[in-house]
Every structure is written in structure tokens, then in C-alpha cells.
Amino acid sequence: MSEFTANNPEKEITLTSKDGEEFKVSLKVAKMSSLIWNMVSEDGEDDDEDNTVPLPNVEGADLARVIEYCKQYIVDPMTEFQKVFPFLL
């Protein structure tokens, strides 16, 4: 989960999987998915208090792995691979 500080509160949303598991994640993590990005308003502020995004086609175990990957990617971003044959691109 994301950590909150008085100086830098991070907005969280809840992702609900197909099997009803709920995962609270920071908006920064959630928006790494273009699907979720499109389901959440651009500024991250929803009109209602319920910040739940249902994901009816995603199993809880799979969603947990995706969230784990996204959290790691934010902490330690991947570097671009060196192109072996740049003239082929």
C-alpha cells in the first residue's frame, strides 16, 4: 500500500476483481493501466466518494500480480533496451 504523509497525501482507489477481492492502490499505480486510466477522471478526483473501479474480467490473483508489478515499476523504472540493429527500425 502507499504511505501517507502530512505533506504528500496520495489519493487511493479501490480495484475490485471478478471474484470480489478488493485492492486499495494509489492513483499513480492504478493509472499505469490504460484501462483504469480511462475509468478514472483525468485529474483523479471523482465526483462521488466511492472510488471503486470494478474489473469484472480479472481474477483476484492476477490483479494482485499486476499491482505488485506496477508498484515495483514505480519504485524502480525499467530502462530501455539497447537496440542491436537500429537500422532495422
C-alpha atoms as a PDB file:
ATOM      1  CA  MET A   1       0.000   0.000   0.000  1.00  0.00           C
ATOM      2  CA  SER A   2       1.041   3.553  -0.464  1.00  0.00           C
ATOM      3  CA  GLU A   3       2.250   5.534   2.506  1.00  0.00           C
ATOM      4  CA  PHE A   4       0.651   8.796   3.506  1.00  0.00           C
ATOM      5  CA  THR A   5       2.440  11.796   4.906  1.00  0.00           C
ATOM      6  CA  ALA A   6       1.056  15.138   6.007  1.00  0.00           C
ATOM      7  CA  ASN A   7       2.996  16.873   3.247  1.00  0.00           C
ATOM      8  CA  ASN A   8       2.225  14.424   0.440  1.00  0.00           C
ATOM      9  CA  PRO A   9      -1.113  12.643   0.789  1.00  0.00           C
ATOM     10  CA  GLU A  10      -1.647  10.251  -2.067  1.00  0.00           C
ATOM     11  CA  LYS A  11      -5.126   9.600  -3.392  1.00  0.00           C
ATOM     12  CA  GLU A  12      -6.149   5.951  -3.348  1.00  0.00           C
ATOM     13  CA  ILE A  13      -8.764   3.989  -5.237  1.00  0.00           C
ATOM     14  CA  THR A  14     -10.127   0.509  -4.750  1.00  0.00           C
ATOM     15  CA  LEU A  15      -9.900  -2.060  -7.528  1.00  0.00           C
ATOM     16  CA  THR A  16     -12.440  -4.890  -7.298  1.00  0.00           C
ATOM     17  CA  SER A  17     -11.680  -8.160  -9.072  1.00  0.00           C
ATOM     18  CA  LYS A  18     -14.028 -10.677 -10.681  1.00  0.00           C
ATOM     19  CA  ASP A  19     -14.092 -12.782  -7.525  1.00  0.00           C
ATOM     20  CA  GLY A  20     -14.819  -9.814  -5.242  1.00  0.00           C
ATOM     21  CA  GLU A  21     -11.315  -9.190  -3.876  1.00  0.00           C
ATOM     22  CA  GLU A  22     -10.649  -5.520  -3.202  1.00  0.00           C
ATOM     23  CA  PHE A  23      -7.246  -3.873  -3.531  1.00  0.00           C
ATOM     24  CA  LYS A  24      -6.516  -0.332  -2.344  1.00  0.00           C
ATOM     25  CA  VAL A  25      -3.840   1.240  -4.515  1.00  0.00           C
ATOM     26  CA  SER A  26      -2.525   4.720  -5.117  1.00  0.00           C
ATOM     27  CA  LEU A  27      -3.910   6.521  -8.129  1.00  0.00           C
ATOM     28  CA  LYS A  28      -0.377   6.700  -9.532  1.00  0.00           C
ATOM     29  CA  VAL A  29      -0.129   2.901  -9.522  1.00  0.00           C
ATOM     30  CA  ALA A  30      -3.644   2.382 -10.864  1.00  0.00           C
ATOM     31  CA  LYS A  31      -3.167   4.793 -13.749  1.00  0.00           C
ATOM     32  CA  MET A  32      -0.306   2.704 -15.130  1.00  0.00           C
ATOM     33  CA  SER A  33      -3.100   0.666 -16.703  1.00  0.00           C
ATOM     34  CA  SER A  34      -4.730   2.380 -19.676  1.00  0.00           C
ATOM     35  CA  LEU A  35      -7.984   0.571 -18.854  1.00  0.00           C
ATOM     36  CA  ILE A  36      -8.101   2.093 -15.380  1.00  0.00           C
ATOM     37  CA  TRP A  37      -6.800   5.429 -16.672  1.00  0.00           C
ATOM     38  CA  ASN A  38      -9.906   5.636 -18.873  1.00  0.00           C
ATOM     39  CA  MET A  39     -12.208   4.667 -15.992  1.00  0.00           C
ATOM     40  CA  VAL A  40     -10.917   7.382 -13.645  1.00  0.00           C
ATOM     41  CA  SER A  41     -11.319  11.091 -14.339  1.00  0.00           C
ATOM     42  CA  GLU A  42      -8.250  12.877 -15.687  1.00  0.00           C
ATOM     43  CA  ASP A  43      -7.441  14.802 -12.546  1.00  0.00           C
ATOM     44  CA  GLY A  44      -8.027  11.819 -10.292  1.00  0.00           C
ATOM     45  CA  GLU A  45     -10.909  13.448  -8.488  1.00  0.00           C
ATOM     46  CA  ASP A  46     -14.182  11.587  -8.840  1.00  0.00           C
ATOM     47  CA  ASP A  47     -17.469  13.371  -8.202  1.00  0.00           C
ATOM     48  CA  ASP A  48     -18.654  10.732  -5.760  1.00  0.00           C
ATOM     49  CA  GLU A  49     -16.980   9.473  -2.611  1.00  0.00           C
ATOM     50  CA  ASP A  50     -16.885   5.872  -3.885  1.00  0.00           C
ATOM     51  CA  ASN A  51     -13.549   5.464  -5.654  1.00  0.00           C
ATOM     52  CA  THR A  52     -14.092   1.836  -6.610  1.00  0.00           C
ATOM     53  CA  VAL A  53     -13.197   0.524 -10.054  1.00  0.00           C
ATOM     54  CA  PRO A  54     -14.794  -2.839 -10.873  1.00  0.00           C
ATOM     55  CA  LEU A  55     -12.712  -5.190 -13.013  1.00  0.00           C
ATOM     56  CA  PRO A  56     -15.181  -7.990 -13.822  1.00  0.00           C
ATOM     57  CA  ASN A  57     -12.847  -9.838 -16.203  1.00  0.00           C
ATOM     58  CA  VAL A  58      -9.805 -10.013 -13.898  1.00  0.00           C
ATOM     59  CA  GLU A  59      -9.258 -12.693 -11.238  1.00  0.00           C
ATOM     60  CA  GLY A  60      -8.005 -11.519  -7.837  1.00  0.00           C
ATOM     61  CA  ALA A  61      -4.743 -13.488  -8.049  1.00  0.00           C
ATOM     62  CA  ASP A  62      -3.947 -11.961 -11.443  1.00  0.00           C
ATOM     63  CA  LEU A  63      -4.821  -8.464 -10.275  1.00  0.00           C
ATOM     64  CA  ALA A  64      -2.552  -8.892  -7.244  1.00  0.00           C
ATOM     65  CA  ARG A  65       0.383  -9.772  -9.540  1.00  0.00           C
ATOM     66  CA  VAL A  66      -0.307  -6.813 -11.825  1.00  0.00           C
ATOM     67  CA  ILE A  67      -0.466  -4.436  -8.852  1.00  0.00           C
ATOM     68  CA  GLU A  68       2.777  -5.847  -7.464  1.00  0.00           C
ATOM     69  CA  TYR A  69       4.472  -5.283 -10.830  1.00  0.00           C
ATOM     70  CA  CYS A  70       3.159  -1.728 -11.108  1.00  0.00           C
ATOM     71  CA  LYS A  71       4.333  -0.833  -7.599  1.00  0.00           C
ATOM     72  CA  GLN A  72       7.805  -2.179  -8.367  1.00  0.00           C
ATOM     73  CA  TYR A  73       7.910  -0.318 -11.679  1.00  0.00           C
ATOM     74  CA  ILE A  74       7.201   2.984  -9.915  1.00  0.00           C
ATOM     75  CA  VAL A  75       9.992   2.365  -7.378  1.00  0.00           C
ATOM     76  CA  ASP A  76      12.492   1.032  -9.921  1.00  0.00           C
ATOM     77  CA  PRO A  77      11.577   2.001 -13.516  1.00  0.00           C
ATOM     78  CA  MET A  78      12.750  -0.214 -16.332  1.00  0.00           C
ATOM     79  CA  THR A  79      15.427   1.068 -18.646  1.00  0.00           C
ATOM     80  CA  GLU A  80      15.042   0.908 -22.387  1.00  0.00           C
ATOM     81  CA  PHE A  81      16.740  -1.995 -24.122  1.00  0.00           C
ATOM     82  CA  GLN A  82      19.642  -1.158 -26.367  1.00  0.00           C
ATOM     83  CA  LYS A  83      18.671  -1.779 -29.971  1.00  0.00           C
ATOM     84  CA  VAL A  84      21.052  -4.276 -31.503  1.00  0.00           C
ATOM     85  CA  PHE A  85      20.171  -3.402 -35.088  1.00  0.00           C
ATOM     86  CA  PRO A  86      18.854   0.183 -35.011  1.00  0.00           C
ATOM     87  CA  PHE A  87      18.892   0.375 -38.825  1.00  0.00           C
ATOM     88  CA  LEU A  88      16.102  -2.251 -38.944  1.00  0.00           C
ATOM     89  CA  LEU A  89      13.661   0.044 -37.144  1.00  0.00           C
END
